Amino acid sequence: MRKRSWPIRVKASARKIRVATNVSSGQANVILEAVGETMEKKLNEKFDPVITKLDGIMKGVEMLQQENTVGAQQLRRHEDQLQDHAVRIKKLELSPST
C-alpha cells in the first residue's frame, strides 16, 4: 500500500505558502523558521508603535496615581488641622471672656 503524504501549509498573513510534499522535514523546519521570523518581524513592526504609545499612556497613569496619593495625604493633613482648629475654637468659645 502506498503511503500518502500531504502538503505542508503555512499561513503567512493573507497569502498561503504551499510547500511541496517532497521536501524533507529538515527543509520544512528551515522554511517554517524563516516564515516565523518574517511573521515576528512584521508583528514587531506593527506593534512597536502601539507599545510605544501604551508606554506613554502608562507613564501618564502612574503620574496621576502618584498625584492622587500625594493629594490624599495632603487632604488627611488638612482634615487633621481642621479637627485641631475645631477643638481650639470650641475651647475658646467655652472659656470665660476676660
Protein backbone atom coordinates (compact mmCIF):
# COMPACT_ATOMS: atom_id res chain seq x y z
CA MET A 1 0.00 0.00 0.00
CA ARG A 2 1.32 3.44 -0.90
CA LYS A 3 1.87 5.91 1.92
CA ARG A 4 0.02 9.14 1.30
CA SER A 5 1.83 12.37 2.07
CA TRP A 6 0.04 15.68 2.43
CA PRO A 7 1.46 19.09 1.52
CA ILE A 8 2.63 21.26 4.40
CA ARG A 9 0.67 24.50 4.54
CA VAL A 10 1.82 27.58 6.38
CA LYS A 11 -0.37 30.66 6.54
CA ALA A 12 1.64 33.87 6.24
CA SER A 13 -0.50 36.99 6.64
CA ALA A 14 -3.15 36.98 3.88
CA ARG A 15 -1.42 34.63 1.44
CA LYS A 16 -0.69 30.91 1.74
CA ILE A 17 2.67 29.33 1.16
CA ARG A 18 2.49 25.77 -0.11
CA VAL A 19 5.50 23.56 0.38
CA ALA A 20 5.92 20.59 -1.95
CA THR A 21 5.47 17.11 -0.49
CA ASN A 22 8.96 16.03 -1.48
CA VAL A 23 10.58 18.49 0.96
CA SER A 24 12.37 16.79 3.83
CA SER A 25 11.39 17.56 7.41
CA GLY A 26 14.68 19.43 7.91
CA GLN A 27 13.95 21.63 4.93
CA ALA A 28 10.40 22.14 6.13
CA ASN A 29 11.71 23.22 9.53
CA VAL A 30 14.02 25.75 7.88
CA ILE A 31 11.13 27.10 5.85
CA LEU A 32 8.91 27.28 8.92
CA GLU A 33 11.62 29.09 10.87
CA ALA A 34 12.02 31.61 8.04
CA VAL A 35 8.28 32.19 7.91
CA GLY A 36 8.19 32.51 11.70
CA GLU A 37 10.98 35.08 11.67
CA THR A 38 9.24 37.03 8.92
CA MET A 39 5.98 36.99 10.84
CA GLU A 40 7.73 38.03 14.04
CA LYS A 41 9.41 40.92 12.23
CA LYS A 42 6.11 42.06 10.73
CA LEU A 43 4.32 41.79 14.06
CA ASN A 44 7.06 43.80 15.75
CA GLU A 45 6.78 46.47 13.05
CA LYS A 46 3.03 46.65 13.63
CA PHE A 47 3.03 46.52 17.41
CA ASP A 48 6.09 48.65 18.26
CA PRO A 49 4.23 51.95 17.69
CA VAL A 50 1.29 50.64 19.72
CA ILE A 51 3.55 49.54 22.58
CA THR A 52 5.34 52.90 22.49
CA LYS A 53 2.01 54.75 22.76
CA LEU A 54 0.90 52.46 25.59
CA ASP A 55 4.16 53.16 27.44
CA GLY A 56 3.38 56.88 27.28
CA ILE A 57 -0.17 56.31 28.48
CA MET A 58 1.03 54.10 31.35
CA LYS A 59 3.53 56.76 32.40
CA GLY A 60 0.68 59.28 32.50
CA VAL A 61 -1.45 56.91 34.58
CA GLU A 62 1.43 56.35 37.02
CA MET A 63 1.89 60.10 37.37
CA LEU A 64 -1.83 60.52 38.09
CA GLN A 65 -1.68 57.74 40.70
CA GLN A 66 1.25 59.46 42.41
CA GLU A 67 -0.56 62.79 42.29
CA ASN A 68 -3.65 61.14 43.76
CA THR A 69 -1.59 59.63 46.59
CA VAL A 70 0.05 62.97 47.38
CA GLY A 71 -3.34 64.73 47.23
CA ALA A 72 -4.89 62.17 49.60
CA GLN A 73 -2.04 62.66 52.10
CA GLN A 74 -2.45 66.43 51.90
CA LEU A 75 -6.21 66.08 52.41
CA ARG A 76 -5.63 63.97 55.55
CA ARG A 77 -3.26 66.61 56.93
CA HIS A 78 -5.83 69.34 56.26
CA GLU A 79 -8.58 67.29 57.92
CA ASP A 80 -6.35 66.84 60.98
CA GLN A 81 -5.69 70.59 61.07
CA LEU A 82 -9.41 71.33 60.79
CA GLN A 83 -10.14 68.96 63.68
CA ASP A 84 -7.42 70.67 65.72
CA HIS A 85 -8.84 74.11 64.89
CA ALA A 86 -12.36 72.98 65.77
CA VAL A 87 -11.19 71.78 69.19
CA ARG A 88 -9.28 75.03 69.80
CA ILE A 89 -12.26 77.17 68.75
CA LYS A 90 -14.58 75.20 70.99
CA LYS A 91 -12.19 75.75 73.93
CA LEU A 92 -12.08 79.47 73.20
CA GLU A 93 -15.87 79.69 72.98
CA LEU A 94 -16.31 77.87 76.28
CA SER A 95 -13.67 79.82 78.16
CA PRO A 96 -14.85 82.87 80.13
CA SER A 97 -14.05 86.14 78.43
CA THR A 98 -11.84 88.49 80.36
